[in-house]
Amino acid sequence: MYDLYMLAKSFRISGHVQGVCFRADAQEKAKTLGLTGWVLNDEDGSVRMHTEGDSDALREFEMWCHTGPPSARVESVIVKDVDEEGQTDFDIRF
């Protein structure tokens, strides 16, 4: 059962997460779950994301982030509650 209100979370995923299609796979997973937001490769080698959606979808997305795409080796996932940005799609940022 999905909540009637939207939540927002930020994610920082560390490990071997750049150059392994993490952003594209995160975008696909987020869209499948009906989430909006953005994902980008950070200068420190991590992947950073902002996601908005209902709590069940965000929880499932968070679980996915702990493994990511098959080529990734996730070492750390930091999740924080944040304010909504009013995103309407899930974009890859450069």
N, C-alpha and C. Protein backbone atom coordinates (compact mmCIF):
# COMPACT_ATOMS: atom_id res chain seq x y z
N MET A 1 0.85 -1.18 0.00
CA MET A 1 0.00 0.00 0.00
C MET A 1 0.89 1.24 0.00
N TYR A 2 0.64 2.15 -0.90
CA TYR A 2 1.44 3.35 -1.03
C TYR A 2 0.87 4.49 -0.20
N ASP A 3 1.76 5.29 0.37
CA ASP A 3 1.36 6.48 1.13
C ASP A 3 0.77 7.51 0.18
N LEU A 4 -0.04 8.41 0.72
CA LEU A 4 -0.65 9.45 -0.09
C LEU A 4 0.21 10.70 -0.17
N TYR A 5 1.29 10.75 0.55
CA TYR A 5 2.15 11.93 0.53
C TYR A 5 3.54 11.54 0.04
N MET A 6 4.23 12.54 -0.47
CA MET A 6 5.55 12.30 -1.04
C MET A 6 6.64 12.62 -0.02
N LEU A 7 7.69 11.84 -0.07
CA LEU A 7 8.87 12.05 0.76
C LEU A 7 10.06 12.29 -0.15
N ALA A 8 11.14 12.80 0.42
CA ALA A 8 12.37 13.00 -0.35
C ALA A 8 13.55 12.50 0.47
N LYS A 9 14.48 11.85 -0.23
CA LYS A 9 15.68 11.32 0.42
C LYS A 9 16.88 11.60 -0.48
N SER A 10 18.03 11.80 0.16
CA SER A 10 19.28 11.88 -0.58
C SER A 10 20.06 10.61 -0.30
N PHE A 11 20.81 10.18 -1.29
CA PHE A 11 21.63 8.98 -1.20
C PHE A 11 23.05 9.33 -1.62
N ARG A 12 24.02 8.79 -0.91
CA ARG A 12 25.42 8.84 -1.34
C ARG A 12 25.92 7.41 -1.28
N ILE A 13 26.30 6.89 -2.46
CA ILE A 13 26.74 5.50 -2.58
C ILE A 13 28.22 5.51 -2.90
N SER A 14 28.99 4.80 -2.09
CA SER A 14 30.44 4.73 -2.26
C SER A 14 30.87 3.31 -2.57
N GLY A 15 32.02 3.19 -3.17
CA GLY A 15 32.60 1.91 -3.56
C GLY A 15 33.01 2.00 -5.02
N HIS A 16 32.96 0.88 -5.72
CA HIS A 16 33.23 0.89 -7.17
C HIS A 16 31.88 1.12 -7.84
N VAL A 17 31.50 2.41 -7.96
CA VAL A 17 30.16 2.75 -8.43
C VAL A 17 30.15 3.69 -9.64
N GLN A 18 31.32 4.12 -10.09
CA GLN A 18 31.38 4.92 -11.31
C GLN A 18 31.96 4.07 -12.43
N GLY A 19 31.45 4.29 -13.64
CA GLY A 19 31.91 3.51 -14.79
C GLY A 19 31.30 2.13 -14.85
N VAL A 20 30.21 1.90 -14.11
CA VAL A 20 29.56 0.58 -14.08
C VAL A 20 28.07 0.70 -14.38
N CYS A 21 27.67 1.79 -15.04
CA CYS A 21 26.26 2.05 -15.39
C CYS A 21 25.36 2.29 -14.19
N PHE A 22 25.94 2.72 -13.07
CA PHE A 22 25.13 2.93 -11.86
C PHE A 22 24.07 4.00 -12.11
N ARG A 23 24.44 5.11 -12.74
CA ARG A 23 23.47 6.19 -12.95
C ARG A 23 22.32 5.74 -13.84
N ALA A 24 22.63 5.08 -14.94
CA ALA A 24 21.58 4.64 -15.87
C ALA A 24 20.67 3.60 -15.22
N ASP A 25 21.26 2.67 -14.49
CA ASP A 25 20.44 1.65 -13.82
C ASP A 25 19.62 2.25 -12.70
N ALA A 26 20.17 3.23 -11.98
CA ALA A 26 19.41 3.91 -10.92
C ALA A 26 18.23 4.66 -11.52
N GLN A 27 18.46 5.32 -12.66
CA GLN A 27 17.38 6.02 -13.34
C GLN A 27 16.27 5.05 -13.74
N GLU A 28 16.64 3.92 -14.31
CA GLU A 28 15.65 2.92 -14.73
C GLU A 28 14.87 2.38 -13.53
N LYS A 29 15.59 2.04 -12.46
CA LYS A 29 14.93 1.51 -11.26
C LYS A 29 13.98 2.55 -10.66
N ALA A 30 14.44 3.80 -10.56
CA ALA A 30 13.62 4.86 -10.00
C ALA A 30 12.35 5.06 -10.81
N LYS A 31 12.48 5.10 -12.12
CA LYS A 31 11.31 5.30 -12.98
C LYS A 31 10.34 4.12 -12.85
N THR A 32 10.88 2.91 -12.77
CA THR A 32 10.03 1.73 -12.59
C THR A 32 9.22 1.83 -11.30
N LEU A 33 9.83 2.42 -10.26
CA LEU A 33 9.15 2.55 -8.96
C LEU A 33 8.30 3.82 -8.86
N GLY A 34 8.30 4.63 -9.91
CA GLY A 34 7.52 5.86 -9.90
C GLY A 34 8.17 6.99 -9.11
N LEU A 35 9.48 6.93 -8.95
CA LEU A 35 10.21 7.97 -8.23
C LEU A 35 10.69 9.05 -9.19
N THR A 36 10.87 10.24 -8.67
CA THR A 36 11.45 11.33 -9.42
C THR A 36 12.72 11.78 -8.72
N GLY A 37 13.54 12.57 -9.41
CA GLY A 37 14.76 13.07 -8.79
C GLY A 37 15.89 13.15 -9.78
N TRP A 38 17.10 12.93 -9.29
CA TRP A 38 18.29 13.00 -10.14
C TRP A 38 19.42 12.17 -9.54
N VAL A 39 20.40 11.86 -10.39
CA VAL A 39 21.58 11.10 -9.99
C VAL A 39 22.79 11.70 -10.69
N LEU A 40 23.93 11.73 -9.99
CA LEU A 40 25.16 12.23 -10.61
C LEU A 40 26.38 11.54 -10.01
N ASN A 41 27.45 11.51 -10.80
CA ASN A 41 28.75 11.06 -10.30
C ASN A 41 29.39 12.23 -9.57
N ASP A 42 29.80 12.02 -8.34
CA ASP A 42 30.45 13.07 -7.58
C ASP A 42 31.96 13.01 -7.80
N GLU A 43 32.63 14.12 -7.57
CA GLU A 43 34.08 14.21 -7.79
C GLU A 43 34.88 13.26 -6.91
N ASP A 44 34.33 12.87 -5.76
CA ASP A 44 35.05 11.98 -4.84
C ASP A 44 34.93 10.50 -5.21
N GLY A 45 34.27 10.20 -6.34
CA GLY A 45 34.14 8.81 -6.79
C GLY A 45 32.84 8.15 -6.36
N SER A 46 32.03 8.86 -5.59
CA SER A 46 30.74 8.31 -5.17
C SER A 46 29.65 8.70 -6.17
N VAL A 47 28.49 8.12 -5.98
CA VAL A 47 27.30 8.50 -6.74
C VAL A 47 26.35 9.16 -5.75
N ARG A 48 25.80 10.31 -6.16
CA ARG A 48 24.89 11.05 -5.30
C ARG A 48 23.53 11.13 -5.99
N MET A 49 22.46 10.97 -5.20
CA MET A 49 21.11 11.00 -5.75
C MET A 49 20.16 11.76 -4.85
N HIS A 50 19.16 12.34 -5.47
CA HIS A 50 18.02 12.93 -4.77
C HIS A 50 16.80 12.22 -5.33
N THR A 51 15.96 11.67 -4.45
CA THR A 51 14.78 10.94 -4.91
C THR A 51 13.55 11.42 -4.16
N GLU A 52 12.42 11.42 -4.87
CA GLU A 52 11.15 11.83 -4.30
C GLU A 52 10.09 10.79 -4.67
N GLY A 53 9.25 10.45 -3.71
CA GLY A 53 8.19 9.49 -3.97
C GLY A 53 7.57 9.03 -2.68
N ASP A 54 6.79 7.96 -2.77
CA ASP A 54 6.15 7.46 -1.56
C ASP A 54 7.11 6.56 -0.79
N SER A 55 6.80 6.33 0.46
CA SER A 55 7.73 5.64 1.35
C SER A 55 8.03 4.21 0.92
N ASP A 56 7.05 3.48 0.40
CA ASP A 56 7.29 2.10 -0.02
C ASP A 56 8.27 2.05 -1.20
N ALA A 57 8.09 2.94 -2.17
CA ALA A 57 8.98 2.97 -3.33
C ALA A 57 10.39 3.40 -2.90
N LEU A 58 10.48 4.39 -2.02
CA LEU A 58 11.79 4.83 -1.54
C LEU A 58 12.50 3.73 -0.77
N ARG A 59 11.76 2.97 0.00
CA ARG A 59 12.35 1.86 0.75
C ARG A 59 12.90 0.80 -0.21
N GLU A 60 12.14 0.47 -1.26
CA GLU A 60 12.60 -0.52 -2.23
C GLU A 60 13.82 0.00 -3.00
N PHE A 61 13.81 1.29 -3.33
CA PHE A 61 14.95 1.90 -4.02
C PHE A 61 16.19 1.86 -3.14
N GLU A 62 16.03 2.16 -1.86
CA GLU A 62 17.15 2.10 -0.93
C GLU A 62 17.75 0.70 -0.87
N MET A 63 16.90 -0.32 -0.85
CA MET A 63 17.40 -1.70 -0.84
C MET A 63 18.21 -1.98 -2.11
N TRP A 64 17.73 -1.50 -3.26
CA TRP A 64 18.45 -1.70 -4.52
C TRP A 64 19.82 -1.02 -4.47
N CYS A 65 19.89 0.16 -3.85
CA CYS A 65 21.15 0.92 -3.79
C CYS A 65 22.26 0.15 -3.08
N HIS A 66 21.92 -0.77 -2.21
CA HIS A 66 22.94 -1.53 -1.48
C HIS A 66 23.67 -2.55 -2.37
N THR A 67 23.11 -2.83 -3.55
CA THR A 67 23.79 -3.72 -4.50
C THR A 67 24.06 -3.01 -5.82
N GLY A 68 23.09 -2.23 -6.30
CA GLY A 68 23.26 -1.51 -7.57
C GLY A 68 23.32 -2.47 -8.74
N PRO A 69 23.89 -2.02 -9.86
CA PRO A 69 24.00 -2.88 -11.04
C PRO A 69 25.03 -4.00 -10.79
N PRO A 70 24.97 -5.05 -11.62
CA PRO A 70 25.85 -6.21 -11.41
C PRO A 70 27.35 -5.88 -11.33
N SER A 71 27.83 -4.89 -12.08
CA SER A 71 29.26 -4.57 -12.09
C SER A 71 29.72 -3.73 -10.90
N ALA A 72 28.77 -3.20 -10.14
CA ALA A 72 29.12 -2.33 -9.01
C ALA A 72 29.55 -3.14 -7.79
N ARG A 73 30.37 -2.50 -6.95
CA ARG A 73 30.71 -3.05 -5.63
C ARG A 73 30.42 -1.94 -4.62
N VAL A 74 29.23 -1.99 -4.06
CA VAL A 74 28.79 -0.96 -3.12
C VAL A 74 29.42 -1.23 -1.76
N GLU A 75 30.09 -0.23 -1.21
CA GLU A 75 30.70 -0.33 0.12
C GLU A 75 29.90 0.41 1.18
N SER A 76 29.22 1.50 0.77
CA SER A 76 28.52 2.32 1.74
C SER A 76 27.34 3.02 1.09
N VAL A 77 26.22 3.07 1.82
CA VAL A 77 25.05 3.82 1.38
C VAL A 77 24.64 4.72 2.54
N ILE A 78 24.70 6.02 2.32
CA ILE A 78 24.27 6.99 3.33
C ILE A 78 22.96 7.60 2.83
N VAL A 79 21.93 7.52 3.66
CA VAL A 79 20.60 8.00 3.30
C VAL A 79 20.19 9.07 4.29
N LYS A 80 19.66 10.18 3.76
CA LYS A 80 19.17 11.26 4.62
C LYS A 80 17.81 11.72 4.13
N ASP A 81 16.93 12.07 5.07
CA ASP A 81 15.68 12.73 4.72
C ASP A 81 16.01 14.16 4.34
N VAL A 82 15.44 14.63 3.23
CA VAL A 82 15.67 15.98 2.75
C VAL A 82 14.35 16.60 2.31
N ASP A 83 14.37 17.86 1.99
CA ASP A 83 13.20 18.56 1.48
C ASP A 83 12.96 18.20 0.03
N GLU A 84 11.69 18.19 -0.36
CA GLU A 84 11.34 17.96 -1.76
C GLU A 84 11.84 19.12 -2.61
N GLU A 85 12.20 18.80 -3.85
CA GLU A 85 12.60 19.81 -4.83
C GLU A 85 11.54 20.00 -5.90
N GLY A 86 10.50 19.16 -5.87
CA GLY A 86 9.44 19.24 -6.87
C GLY A 86 9.84 18.64 -8.20
N GLN A 87 10.68 17.61 -8.18
CA GLN A 87 11.13 16.97 -9.42
C GLN A 87 9.94 16.32 -10.14
N THR A 88 9.97 16.34 -11.48
CA THR A 88 8.88 15.75 -12.26
C THR A 88 9.34 14.53 -13.06
N ASP A 89 10.64 14.27 -13.09
CA ASP A 89 11.20 13.13 -13.81
C ASP A 89 12.41 12.67 -13.02
N PHE A 90 13.10 11.65 -13.47
CA PHE A 90 14.34 11.21 -12.83
C PHE A 90 15.46 11.37 -13.86
N ASP A 91 16.33 12.35 -13.62
CA ASP A 91 17.35 12.73 -14.60
C ASP A 91 18.75 12.30 -14.18
N ILE A 92 19.58 12.06 -15.19
CA ILE A 92 21.01 11.88 -14.98
C ILE A 92 21.66 13.24 -15.15
N ARG A 93 22.40 13.67 -14.14
CA ARG A 93 23.09 14.95 -14.21
C ARG A 93 24.58 14.72 -14.43
N PHE A 94 25.19 15.67 -15.10
CA PHE A 94 26.62 15.57 -15.42
C PHE A 94 27.38 16.70 -14.77
